[in-house]
């Protein structure tokens, strides 16, 4: 319970690599997660820095292109009225752009490793099984003092890309679909206390 209550999404990740023994513990924990039908169809792809950079670039290019279109002076009033959440997020995207141009990877939290959870296309319980495996991996990472962050922004961008491009970017097994992506890295600082939620 102490572990669960203290777990935080600490996005201040350093570039220190994850030692192989710790990474293997995290992957093993994911492998032991329950699955629908006891099918064990979840595969986890481990992406390195070079591969992560390509995911970062694709995500940034997608969102910046979208933001520039929607924040165009002609379109902007419509964006503000019809898509207020995006209108409010646009300034943050442009701050991300500055960090990205400075060599950081803000969309992927400067992660040392990305884990991509996937199952075969057409499998009815892919989302559930992948996220159960994700949770096990997340808790094991926490045990080892490794930050783990759910890559929701990346997942949002990937939804609008072709299946072929996503498979190539994420190095998915053949005929697989991704359902969760986890950023891993050692945090630059730690939260010494947790708050009651």
N, C-alpha and C. Protein backbone atom coordinates (compact mmCIF):
# COMPACT_ATOMS: atom_id res chain seq x y z
N UNK A 1 0.83 -1.20 0.00
CA UNK A 1 0.00 0.00 0.00
C UNK A 1 0.87 1.26 0.00
N UNK A 2 1.98 1.19 0.72
CA UNK A 2 2.89 2.34 0.75
C UNK A 2 3.41 2.64 -0.66
N UNK A 3 3.76 1.60 -1.38
CA UNK A 3 4.26 1.75 -2.76
C UNK A 3 3.18 2.37 -3.65
N UNK A 4 1.98 1.85 -3.57
CA UNK A 4 0.89 2.33 -4.42
C UNK A 4 0.56 3.79 -4.11
N UNK A 5 0.55 4.15 -2.83
CA UNK A 5 0.19 5.51 -2.45
C UNK A 5 1.29 6.52 -2.80
N UNK A 6 2.53 6.07 -2.83
CA UNK A 6 3.64 6.99 -3.08
C UNK A 6 4.00 7.10 -4.56
N UNK A 7 3.43 6.25 -5.40
CA UNK A 7 3.77 6.26 -6.83
C UNK A 7 3.36 7.58 -7.47
N UNK A 8 4.28 8.20 -8.19
CA UNK A 8 4.02 9.49 -8.85
C UNK A 8 4.47 9.41 -10.31
N UNK A 9 3.86 10.22 -11.16
CA UNK A 9 4.33 10.35 -12.54
C UNK A 9 5.37 11.48 -12.56
N UNK A 10 6.59 11.14 -12.21
CA UNK A 10 7.68 12.11 -12.14
C UNK A 10 8.27 12.27 -13.55
N UNK A 11 8.00 13.42 -14.18
CA UNK A 11 8.41 13.63 -15.58
C UNK A 11 9.79 14.27 -15.72
N UNK A 12 10.50 14.43 -14.61
CA UNK A 12 11.85 15.01 -14.67
C UNK A 12 12.87 13.89 -14.81
N UNK A 13 12.88 13.27 -15.97
CA UNK A 13 13.71 12.10 -16.20
C UNK A 13 15.09 12.51 -16.71
N UNK A 14 16.13 11.84 -16.18
CA UNK A 14 17.50 12.07 -16.63
C UNK A 14 17.83 11.12 -17.77
N UNK A 15 18.99 11.33 -18.40
CA UNK A 15 19.38 10.46 -19.51
C UNK A 15 20.18 9.23 -19.06
N UNK A 16 20.24 8.99 -17.76
CA UNK A 16 20.95 7.82 -17.24
C UNK A 16 20.25 6.54 -17.74
N UNK A 17 20.99 5.63 -18.37
CA UNK A 17 20.35 4.42 -18.90
C UNK A 17 19.83 3.50 -17.79
N UNK A 18 18.82 2.73 -18.13
CA UNK A 18 18.26 1.74 -17.20
C UNK A 18 19.15 0.50 -17.23
N UNK A 19 19.72 0.08 -16.10
CA UNK A 19 20.54 -1.15 -16.11
C UNK A 19 19.74 -2.35 -16.58
N UNK A 20 20.40 -3.26 -17.25
CA UNK A 20 19.73 -4.42 -17.86
C UNK A 20 18.97 -5.25 -16.83
N UNK A 21 19.53 -5.44 -15.65
CA UNK A 21 18.84 -6.28 -14.65
C UNK A 21 17.53 -5.64 -14.19
N UNK A 22 17.52 -4.31 -14.08
CA UNK A 22 16.29 -3.61 -13.68
C UNK A 22 15.26 -3.68 -14.80
N UNK A 23 15.70 -3.45 -16.03
CA UNK A 23 14.80 -3.54 -17.18
C UNK A 23 14.18 -4.93 -17.27
N UNK A 24 14.98 -5.96 -17.03
CA UNK A 24 14.47 -7.33 -17.09
C UNK A 24 13.43 -7.58 -16.00
N UNK A 25 13.65 -7.02 -14.81
CA UNK A 25 12.66 -7.15 -13.73
C UNK A 25 11.33 -6.51 -14.14
N UNK A 26 11.41 -5.34 -14.76
CA UNK A 26 10.21 -4.62 -15.19
C UNK A 26 9.46 -5.43 -16.26
N UNK A 27 10.20 -5.97 -17.21
CA UNK A 27 9.58 -6.78 -18.27
C UNK A 27 8.98 -8.07 -17.71
N UNK A 28 9.67 -8.67 -16.75
CA UNK A 28 9.17 -9.91 -16.13
C UNK A 28 7.88 -9.64 -15.37
N UNK A 29 7.83 -8.52 -14.65
CA UNK A 29 6.61 -8.16 -13.93
C UNK A 29 5.44 -8.01 -14.91
N UNK A 30 5.70 -7.37 -16.03
CA UNK A 30 4.65 -7.20 -17.05
C UNK A 30 4.19 -8.55 -17.58
N UNK A 31 5.13 -9.46 -17.77
CA UNK A 31 4.80 -10.79 -18.31
C UNK A 31 3.88 -11.57 -17.38
N UNK A 32 3.98 -11.30 -16.09
CA UNK A 32 3.17 -12.03 -15.11
C UNK A 32 1.80 -11.40 -14.88
N UNK A 33 1.46 -10.37 -15.60
CA UNK A 33 0.14 -9.74 -15.44
C UNK A 33 -0.95 -10.69 -15.91
N UNK A 34 -2.13 -10.60 -15.30
CA UNK A 34 -3.25 -11.44 -15.78
C UNK A 34 -3.67 -11.01 -17.18
N UNK A 35 -4.20 -11.96 -17.93
CA UNK A 35 -4.69 -11.67 -19.28
C UNK A 35 -6.05 -12.31 -19.48
N UNK A 36 -6.84 -11.73 -20.37
CA UNK A 36 -8.13 -12.34 -20.72
C UNK A 36 -7.88 -13.68 -21.37
N UNK A 37 -8.68 -14.66 -21.04
CA UNK A 37 -8.58 -15.99 -21.64
C UNK A 37 -7.25 -16.68 -21.33
N UNK A 38 -6.45 -16.10 -20.40
CA UNK A 38 -5.11 -16.62 -20.10
C UNK A 38 -4.30 -16.80 -21.39
N UNK A 39 -4.43 -15.83 -22.30
CA UNK A 39 -3.89 -15.99 -23.65
C UNK A 39 -2.44 -15.58 -23.81
N UNK A 40 -1.95 -14.68 -22.93
CA UNK A 40 -0.54 -14.24 -22.99
C UNK A 40 -0.15 -13.72 -24.37
N UNK A 41 -0.96 -12.84 -24.92
CA UNK A 41 -0.68 -12.32 -26.26
C UNK A 41 0.06 -10.99 -26.25
N UNK A 42 0.31 -10.42 -25.09
CA UNK A 42 0.98 -9.12 -25.01
C UNK A 42 2.46 -9.27 -25.35
N UNK A 43 2.92 -8.39 -26.23
CA UNK A 43 4.35 -8.29 -26.55
C UNK A 43 4.81 -6.91 -26.12
N UNK A 44 6.03 -6.84 -25.63
CA UNK A 44 6.58 -5.55 -25.22
C UNK A 44 7.82 -5.28 -26.05
N UNK A 45 7.79 -4.18 -26.78
CA UNK A 45 8.92 -3.75 -27.60
C UNK A 45 9.68 -2.68 -26.83
N UNK A 46 10.99 -2.85 -26.73
CA UNK A 46 11.85 -1.90 -26.01
C UNK A 46 12.52 -0.99 -27.05
N UNK A 47 12.28 0.32 -26.93
CA UNK A 47 12.87 1.27 -27.87
C UNK A 47 14.06 1.98 -27.23
N UNK A 48 15.13 2.15 -28.02
CA UNK A 48 16.33 2.84 -27.54
C UNK A 48 16.25 4.33 -27.88
N UNK A 49 17.28 5.07 -27.49
CA UNK A 49 17.27 6.54 -27.66
C UNK A 49 17.06 6.95 -29.12
N UNK A 50 17.75 6.30 -30.02
CA UNK A 50 17.62 6.66 -31.45
C UNK A 50 16.19 6.43 -31.94
N UNK A 51 15.59 5.33 -31.53
CA UNK A 51 14.21 5.03 -31.92
C UNK A 51 13.23 5.99 -31.23
N UNK A 52 13.52 6.32 -29.97
CA UNK A 52 12.67 7.26 -29.24
C UNK A 52 12.68 8.62 -29.93
N UNK A 53 13.85 9.04 -30.42
CA UNK A 53 13.94 10.34 -31.09
C UNK A 53 13.01 10.40 -32.29
N UNK A 54 12.89 9.31 -33.03
CA UNK A 54 11.99 9.28 -34.19
C UNK A 54 10.53 9.39 -33.76
N UNK A 55 10.19 8.75 -32.64
CA UNK A 55 8.83 8.87 -32.10
C UNK A 55 8.57 10.31 -31.67
N UNK A 56 9.55 10.89 -30.99
CA UNK A 56 9.46 12.28 -30.54
C UNK A 56 9.23 13.22 -31.73
N UNK A 57 10.06 13.07 -32.76
CA UNK A 57 9.96 13.95 -33.94
C UNK A 57 8.60 13.83 -34.62
N UNK A 58 8.12 12.59 -34.75
CA UNK A 58 6.81 12.38 -35.39
C UNK A 58 5.70 13.02 -34.58
N UNK A 59 5.78 12.89 -33.25
CA UNK A 59 4.75 13.47 -32.37
C UNK A 59 4.78 14.99 -32.43
N UNK A 60 5.98 15.57 -32.33
CA UNK A 60 6.09 17.03 -32.37
C UNK A 60 5.63 17.58 -33.71
N UNK A 61 6.04 16.97 -34.79
CA UNK A 61 5.64 17.45 -36.12
C UNK A 61 4.13 17.40 -36.30
N UNK A 62 3.51 16.33 -35.79
CA UNK A 62 2.05 16.22 -35.91
C UNK A 62 1.36 17.35 -35.16
N UNK A 63 1.70 17.51 -33.88
CA UNK A 63 1.00 18.50 -33.06
C UNK A 63 1.32 19.94 -33.46
N UNK A 64 2.56 20.20 -33.88
CA UNK A 64 2.90 21.55 -34.30
C UNK A 64 2.17 21.92 -35.59
N UNK A 65 2.07 20.97 -36.50
CA UNK A 65 1.32 21.22 -37.74
C UNK A 65 -0.14 21.51 -37.44
N UNK A 66 -0.71 20.71 -36.54
CA UNK A 66 -2.11 20.91 -36.15
C UNK A 66 -2.30 22.26 -35.45
N UNK A 67 -1.40 22.55 -34.51
CA UNK A 67 -1.51 23.81 -33.75
C UNK A 67 -1.37 25.02 -34.66
N UNK A 68 -0.42 24.97 -35.61
CA UNK A 68 -0.23 26.12 -36.51
C UNK A 68 -1.47 26.36 -37.38
N UNK A 69 -2.10 25.27 -37.78
CA UNK A 69 -3.32 25.41 -38.58
C UNK A 69 -4.45 25.98 -37.72
N UNK A 70 -4.68 25.39 -36.55
CA UNK A 70 -5.80 25.80 -35.71
C UNK A 70 -5.60 27.16 -35.04
N UNK A 71 -4.34 27.59 -34.91
CA UNK A 71 -4.08 28.89 -34.29
C UNK A 71 -3.84 29.97 -35.35
N UNK A 72 -4.03 29.65 -36.60
CA UNK A 72 -3.98 30.64 -37.67
C UNK A 72 -4.99 31.75 -37.35
N UNK A 73 -4.60 33.02 -37.55
CA UNK A 73 -5.51 34.13 -37.19
C UNK A 73 -6.92 34.00 -37.77
N UNK A 74 -7.05 33.39 -38.94
CA UNK A 74 -8.38 33.24 -39.55
C UNK A 74 -9.18 32.15 -38.84
N UNK A 75 -8.51 31.05 -38.49
CA UNK A 75 -9.18 29.89 -37.89
C UNK A 75 -9.30 30.02 -36.37
N UNK A 76 -8.43 30.80 -35.76
CA UNK A 76 -8.32 30.87 -34.30
C UNK A 76 -9.65 31.12 -33.57
N UNK A 77 -10.51 32.06 -34.02
CA UNK A 77 -11.79 32.25 -33.30
C UNK A 77 -12.66 30.99 -33.29
N UNK A 78 -12.61 30.24 -34.38
CA UNK A 78 -13.39 28.99 -34.45
C UNK A 78 -12.79 27.97 -33.49
N UNK A 79 -11.45 27.89 -33.46
CA UNK A 79 -10.77 26.97 -32.55
C UNK A 79 -11.15 27.29 -31.11
N UNK A 80 -11.11 28.58 -30.76
CA UNK A 80 -11.43 29.00 -29.39
C UNK A 80 -12.85 28.61 -29.01
N UNK A 81 -13.78 28.74 -29.96
CA UNK A 81 -15.17 28.44 -29.71
C UNK A 81 -15.46 26.93 -29.73
N UNK A 82 -14.94 26.23 -30.72
CA UNK A 82 -15.29 24.81 -30.92
C UNK A 82 -14.36 23.82 -30.23
N UNK A 83 -13.09 24.18 -30.07
CA UNK A 83 -12.12 23.27 -29.45
C UNK A 83 -11.37 24.03 -28.35
N UNK A 84 -12.06 24.44 -27.29
CA UNK A 84 -11.41 25.27 -26.27
C UNK A 84 -10.22 24.60 -25.58
N UNK A 85 -10.28 23.27 -25.42
CA UNK A 85 -9.17 22.59 -24.76
C UNK A 85 -7.89 22.70 -25.58
N UNK A 86 -8.00 22.53 -26.90
CA UNK A 86 -6.83 22.67 -27.76
C UNK A 86 -6.34 24.11 -27.78
N UNK A 87 -7.27 25.04 -27.80
CA UNK A 87 -6.91 26.46 -27.79
C UNK A 87 -6.08 26.78 -26.55
N UNK A 88 -6.45 26.22 -25.42
CA UNK A 88 -5.73 26.47 -24.17
C UNK A 88 -4.37 25.76 -24.14
N UNK A 89 -4.26 24.62 -24.85
CA UNK A 89 -3.01 23.84 -24.84
C UNK A 89 -1.97 24.35 -25.84
N UNK A 90 -2.38 25.13 -26.82
CA UNK A 90 -1.47 25.58 -27.87
C UNK A 90 -0.21 26.26 -27.34
N UNK A 91 -0.31 27.19 -26.38
CA UNK A 91 0.92 27.81 -25.87
C UNK A 91 1.91 26.80 -25.31
N UNK A 92 1.39 25.75 -24.64
CA UNK A 92 2.28 24.70 -24.10
C UNK A 92 3.00 23.96 -25.23
N UNK A 93 2.29 23.73 -26.32
CA UNK A 93 2.92 23.06 -27.47
C UNK A 93 4.06 23.89 -28.02
N UNK A 94 3.89 25.18 -28.07
CA UNK A 94 4.94 26.04 -28.60
C UNK A 94 6.13 26.11 -27.62
N UNK A 95 5.85 25.96 -26.33
CA UNK A 95 6.96 25.85 -25.35
C UNK A 95 7.70 24.53 -25.56
N UNK A 96 6.95 23.46 -25.84
CA UNK A 96 7.56 22.16 -26.16
C UNK A 96 8.46 22.30 -27.38
N UNK A 97 8.00 23.07 -28.37
CA UNK A 97 8.77 23.24 -29.60
C UNK A 97 10.15 23.84 -29.30
N UNK A 98 10.20 24.83 -28.42
CA UNK A 98 11.49 25.44 -28.06
C UNK A 98 12.42 24.42 -27.41
N UNK A 99 11.87 23.62 -26.52
CA UNK A 99 12.69 22.59 -25.86
C UNK A 99 13.16 21.55 -26.88
N UNK A 100 12.28 21.17 -27.79
CA UNK A 100 12.60 20.19 -28.83
C UNK A 100 13.72 20.72 -29.73
N UNK A 101 13.62 21.99 -30.12
CA UNK A 101 14.66 22.59 -30.96
C UNK A 101 15.99 22.71 -30.22
N UNK A 102 15.93 22.74 -28.89
CA UNK A 102 17.16 22.81 -28.08
C UNK A 102 17.76 21.42 -27.82
N UNK A 103 17.14 20.38 -28.40
CA UNK A 103 17.70 19.03 -28.28
C UNK A 103 17.05 18.15 -27.24
N UNK A 104 16.02 18.67 -26.56
CA UNK A 104 15.30 17.85 -25.60
C UNK A 104 14.24 17.01 -26.31
N UNK A 105 13.63 16.10 -25.56
CA UNK A 105 12.52 15.29 -26.08
C UNK A 105 11.33 15.45 -25.13
N UNK A 106 10.63 16.58 -25.19
CA UNK A 106 9.57 16.85 -24.21
C UNK A 106 8.36 15.93 -24.31
N UNK A 107 8.00 15.48 -25.50
CA UNK A 107 6.81 14.60 -25.64
C UNK A 107 7.05 13.24 -25.01
N UNK A 108 8.30 12.78 -25.04
CA UNK A 108 8.64 11.48 -24.46
C UNK A 108 9.40 11.64 -23.14
N UNK A 109 9.32 12.83 -22.55
CA UNK A 109 9.89 13.11 -21.22
C UNK A 109 11.38 12.82 -21.11
N UNK A 110 12.11 12.93 -22.23
CA UNK A 110 13.56 12.65 -22.25
C UNK A 110 13.88 11.25 -21.75
N UNK A 111 12.96 10.32 -21.97
CA UNK A 111 13.11 8.96 -21.46
C UNK A 111 14.34 8.25 -22.00
N UNK A 112 14.93 7.41 -21.15
CA UNK A 112 16.06 6.58 -21.57
C UNK A 112 15.57 5.37 -22.36
N UNK A 113 14.34 4.96 -22.08
CA UNK A 113 13.75 3.77 -22.71
C UNK A 113 12.25 3.98 -22.85
N UNK A 114 11.69 3.48 -23.94
CA UNK A 114 10.23 3.41 -24.09
C UNK A 114 9.84 1.95 -24.20
N UNK A 115 8.78 1.58 -23.49
CA UNK A 115 8.21 0.24 -23.62
C UNK A 115 6.89 0.38 -24.36
N UNK A 116 6.72 -0.41 -25.42
CA UNK A 116 5.50 -0.38 -26.22
C UNK A 116 4.77 -1.70 -26.02
N UNK A 117 3.55 -1.63 -25.52
CA UNK A 117 2.74 -2.81 -25.22
C UNK A 117 1.77 -3.03 -26.38
N UNK A 118 1.80 -4.22 -26.97
CA UNK A 118 0.96 -4.49 -28.13
C UNK A 118 0.41 -5.92 -28.08
N UNK A 119 -0.65 -6.13 -28.85
CA UNK A 119 -1.22 -7.47 -29.04
C UNK A 119 -1.56 -7.63 -30.52
N UNK A 120 -1.83 -8.86 -30.96
CA UNK A 120 -2.20 -9.04 -32.36
C UNK A 120 -3.47 -8.25 -32.73
N UNK A 121 -3.49 -7.72 -33.92
CA UNK A 121 -4.68 -7.01 -34.41
C UNK A 121 -5.87 -7.97 -34.41
N UNK A 122 -7.02 -7.45 -34.05
CA UNK A 122 -8.22 -8.28 -34.04
C UNK A 122 -8.47 -9.00 -32.73
N UNK A 123 -7.52 -8.97 -31.82
CA UNK A 123 -7.70 -9.59 -30.51
C UNK A 123 -8.60 -8.69 -29.67
N UNK A 124 -9.68 -9.24 -29.15
CA UNK A 124 -10.72 -8.43 -28.49
C UNK A 124 -10.29 -7.78 -27.18
N UNK A 125 -9.29 -8.32 -26.52
CA UNK A 125 -8.92 -7.81 -25.19
C UNK A 125 -7.53 -7.18 -25.17
N UNK A 126 -7.11 -6.66 -26.31
CA UNK A 126 -5.77 -6.08 -26.41
C UNK A 126 -5.56 -4.91 -25.47
N UNK A 127 -6.53 -3.98 -25.44
CA UNK A 127 -6.40 -2.80 -24.57
C UNK A 127 -6.30 -3.22 -23.11
N UNK A 128 -7.18 -4.12 -22.70
CA UNK A 128 -7.20 -4.55 -21.30
C UNK A 128 -5.90 -5.26 -20.92
N UNK A 129 -5.49 -6.21 -21.73
CA UNK A 129 -4.29 -6.99 -21.41
C UNK A 129 -3.04 -6.11 -21.38
N UNK A 130 -2.93 -5.21 -22.34
CA UNK A 130 -1.75 -4.33 -22.39
C UNK A 130 -1.68 -3.42 -21.17
N UNK A 131 -2.83 -2.91 -20.75
CA UNK A 131 -2.81 -2.00 -19.61
C UNK A 131 -2.67 -2.71 -18.27
N UNK A 132 -3.08 -3.97 -18.20
CA UNK A 132 -2.77 -4.77 -17.01
C UNK A 132 -1.26 -5.01 -16.92
N UNK A 133 -0.66 -5.34 -18.06
CA UNK A 133 0.81 -5.54 -18.09
C UNK A 133 1.53 -4.24 -17.75
N UNK A 134 1.01 -3.13 -18.27
CA UNK A 134 1.58 -1.82 -17.99
C UNK A 134 1.61 -1.56 -16.49
N UNK A 135 0.49 -1.85 -15.82
CA UNK A 135 0.40 -1.57 -14.38
C UNK A 135 1.44 -2.39 -13.60
N UNK A 136 1.58 -3.66 -13.93
CA UNK A 136 2.59 -4.48 -13.26
C UNK A 136 3.99 -3.90 -13.48
N UNK A 137 4.28 -3.52 -14.72
CA UNK A 137 5.59 -2.95 -15.05
C UNK A 137 5.81 -1.65 -14.31
N UNK A 138 4.75 -0.84 -14.21
CA UNK A 138 4.83 0.44 -13.52
C UNK A 138 5.20 0.26 -12.05
N UNK A 139 4.58 -0.68 -11.39
CA UNK A 139 4.87 -0.91 -9.97
C UNK A 139 6.28 -1.47 -9.77
N UNK A 140 6.72 -2.34 -10.67
CA UNK A 140 8.09 -2.86 -10.54
C UNK A 140 9.11 -1.75 -10.79
N UNK A 141 8.83 -0.87 -11.73
CA UNK A 141 9.73 0.27 -11.97
C UNK A 141 9.83 1.11 -10.71
N UNK A 142 8.70 1.34 -10.06
CA UNK A 142 8.67 2.13 -8.82
C UNK A 142 9.54 1.48 -7.74
N UNK A 143 9.48 0.17 -7.65
CA UNK A 143 10.30 -0.57 -6.67
C UNK A 143 11.78 -0.25 -6.88
N UNK A 144 12.19 -0.13 -8.14
CA UNK A 144 13.59 0.12 -8.48
C UNK A 144 13.95 1.61 -8.53
N UNK A 145 12.99 2.48 -8.19
CA UNK A 145 13.29 3.91 -8.21
C UNK A 145 13.33 4.50 -9.61
N UNK A 146 12.67 3.84 -10.55
CA UNK A 146 12.64 4.30 -11.94
C UNK A 146 11.31 5.01 -12.20
N UNK A 147 11.37 6.20 -12.76
CA UNK A 147 10.14 6.93 -13.12
C UNK A 147 9.51 6.28 -14.34
N UNK A 148 8.19 6.26 -14.33
CA UNK A 148 7.46 5.74 -15.48
C UNK A 148 6.31 6.67 -15.76
N UNK A 149 6.17 7.02 -17.04
CA UNK A 149 5.14 7.98 -17.45
C UNK A 149 4.36 7.41 -18.63
N UNK A 150 3.03 7.45 -18.52
CA UNK A 150 2.16 6.99 -19.60
C UNK A 150 2.24 7.99 -20.75
N UNK A 151 2.49 7.52 -21.94
CA UNK A 151 2.70 8.39 -23.10
C UNK A 151 1.39 8.71 -23.82
N UNK A 152 0.50 9.42 -23.12
CA UNK A 152 -0.79 9.78 -23.70
C UNK A 152 -0.68 10.72 -24.88
N UNK A 153 0.23 11.69 -24.81
CA UNK A 153 0.41 12.64 -25.90
C UNK A 153 0.87 11.91 -27.17
N UNK A 154 1.82 11.00 -27.01
CA UNK A 154 2.32 10.22 -28.15
C UNK A 154 1.19 9.37 -28.73
N UNK A 155 0.45 8.69 -27.84
CA UNK A 155 -0.65 7.85 -28.30
C UNK A 155 -1.69 8.66 -29.09
N UNK A 156 -1.95 9.89 -28.63
CA UNK A 156 -2.92 10.75 -29.32
C UNK A 156 -2.46 11.06 -30.74
N UNK A 157 -1.18 11.35 -30.91
CA UNK A 157 -0.65 11.65 -32.24
C UNK A 157 -0.68 10.41 -33.14
N UNK A 158 -0.33 9.26 -32.57
CA UNK A 158 -0.27 8.03 -33.36
C UNK A 158 -1.63 7.63 -33.94
N UNK A 159 -2.71 8.03 -33.26
CA UNK A 159 -4.06 7.69 -33.73
C UNK A 159 -4.33 8.25 -35.12
N UNK A 160 -3.63 9.33 -35.47
CA UNK A 160 -3.89 10.00 -36.75
C UNK A 160 -2.86 9.65 -37.82
N UNK A 161 -2.01 8.67 -37.53
CA UNK A 161 -1.00 8.22 -38.50
C UNK A 161 -1.42 6.88 -39.07
N UNK A 162 -0.89 6.55 -40.23
CA UNK A 162 -1.24 5.27 -40.85
C UNK A 162 -0.70 4.11 -40.02
N UNK A 163 -1.38 2.99 -40.12
CA UNK A 163 -0.97 1.78 -39.39
C UNK A 163 0.45 1.39 -39.74
N UNK A 164 0.78 1.51 -41.01
CA UNK A 164 2.13 1.13 -41.47
C UNK A 164 3.19 2.03 -40.83
N UNK A 165 2.91 3.33 -40.78
CA UNK A 165 3.88 4.25 -40.20
C UNK A 165 4.04 4.00 -38.70
N UNK A 166 2.94 3.77 -38.00
CA UNK A 166 2.99 3.50 -36.56
C UNK A 166 3.79 2.23 -36.30
N UNK A 167 3.54 1.18 -37.07
CA UNK A 167 4.27 -0.08 -36.90
C UNK A 167 5.77 0.12 -37.09
N UNK A 168 6.12 0.92 -38.09
CA UNK A 168 7.53 1.19 -38.37
C UNK A 168 8.16 2.03 -37.26
N UNK A 169 7.46 3.06 -36.81
CA UNK A 169 7.98 3.94 -35.75
C UNK A 169 8.22 3.18 -34.44
N UNK A 170 7.27 2.30 -34.11
CA UNK A 170 7.32 1.62 -32.82
C UNK A 170 7.98 0.24 -32.89
N UNK A 171 8.39 -0.17 -34.09
CA UNK A 171 9.04 -1.47 -34.28
C UNK A 171 8.17 -2.61 -33.74
N UNK A 172 6.88 -2.53 -34.07
CA UNK A 172 5.93 -3.52 -33.58
C UNK A 172 6.13 -4.87 -34.25
N UNK A 173 5.82 -5.96 -33.52
CA UNK A 173 5.80 -7.26 -34.18
C UNK A 173 4.77 -7.23 -35.32
N UNK A 174 4.95 -8.11 -36.29
CA UNK A 174 4.06 -8.13 -37.46
C UNK A 174 2.61 -8.33 -37.03
N UNK A 175 1.72 -7.55 -37.63
CA UNK A 175 0.27 -7.62 -37.40
C UNK A 175 -0.11 -7.36 -35.95
N UNK A 176 0.63 -6.48 -35.29
CA UNK A 176 0.32 -6.09 -33.91
C UNK A 176 -0.17 -4.65 -33.88
N UNK A 177 -0.93 -4.34 -32.83
CA UNK A 177 -1.41 -2.98 -32.57
C UNK A 177 -0.99 -2.59 -31.15
N UNK A 178 -0.49 -1.37 -31.01
CA UNK A 178 -0.07 -0.90 -29.68
C UNK A 178 -1.26 -0.35 -28.92
N UNK A 179 -1.24 -0.56 -27.60
CA UNK A 179 -2.30 -0.05 -26.73
C UNK A 179 -1.77 0.79 -25.58
N UNK A 180 -0.49 0.73 -25.31
CA UNK A 180 0.08 1.53 -24.22
C UNK A 180 1.57 1.73 -24.49
N UNK A 181 2.07 2.89 -24.08
CA UNK A 181 3.49 3.20 -24.20
C UNK A 181 3.96 3.80 -22.89
N UNK A 182 5.04 3.28 -22.35
CA UNK A 182 5.59 3.73 -21.07
C UNK A 182 6.97 4.31 -21.27
N UNK A 183 7.18 5.52 -20.76
CA UNK A 183 8.52 6.12 -20.72
C UNK A 183 9.18 5.71 -19.41
N UNK A 184 10.44 5.33 -19.49
CA UNK A 184 11.20 4.94 -18.30
C UNK A 184 12.47 5.76 -18.18
N UNK A 185 12.82 6.11 -16.96
CA UNK A 185 14.08 6.82 -16.72
C UNK A 185 14.25 7.12 -15.25
N UNK A 186 15.47 7.38 -14.85
CA UNK A 186 15.72 7.74 -13.46
C UNK A 186 15.37 9.21 -13.26
N UNK A 187 14.64 9.53 -12.18
CA UNK A 187 14.21 10.90 -11.97
C UNK A 187 15.36 11.81 -11.53
N UNK A 188 15.25 13.08 -11.90
CA UNK A 188 16.25 14.07 -11.49
C UNK A 188 16.12 14.39 -10.00
N UNK A 189 14.93 14.21 -9.46
CA UNK A 189 14.70 14.40 -8.02
C UNK A 189 13.58 13.46 -7.60
N UNK A 190 13.44 13.29 -6.30
CA UNK A 190 12.40 12.41 -5.77
C UNK A 190 11.44 13.19 -4.87
N UNK A 191 10.20 12.75 -4.87
CA UNK A 191 9.22 13.29 -3.94
C UNK A 191 9.41 12.57 -2.61
N UNK A 192 9.78 13.31 -1.57
CA UNK A 192 10.03 12.66 -0.29
C UNK A 192 8.77 12.32 0.47
N UNK A 193 7.70 13.02 0.16
CA UNK A 193 6.42 12.76 0.84
C UNK A 193 5.35 12.58 -0.22
N UNK A 194 4.32 11.88 0.15
CA UNK A 194 3.17 11.79 -0.75
C UNK A 194 1.98 12.45 -0.07
N UNK A 195 1.04 12.88 -0.89
CA UNK A 195 -0.15 13.54 -0.36
C UNK A 195 -1.32 12.56 -0.41
N UNK A 196 -2.21 12.71 0.55
CA UNK A 196 -3.43 11.90 0.52
C UNK A 196 -4.30 12.40 -0.62
N UNK A 197 -4.86 11.46 -1.39
CA UNK A 197 -5.71 11.85 -2.51
C UNK A 197 -7.13 11.37 -2.29
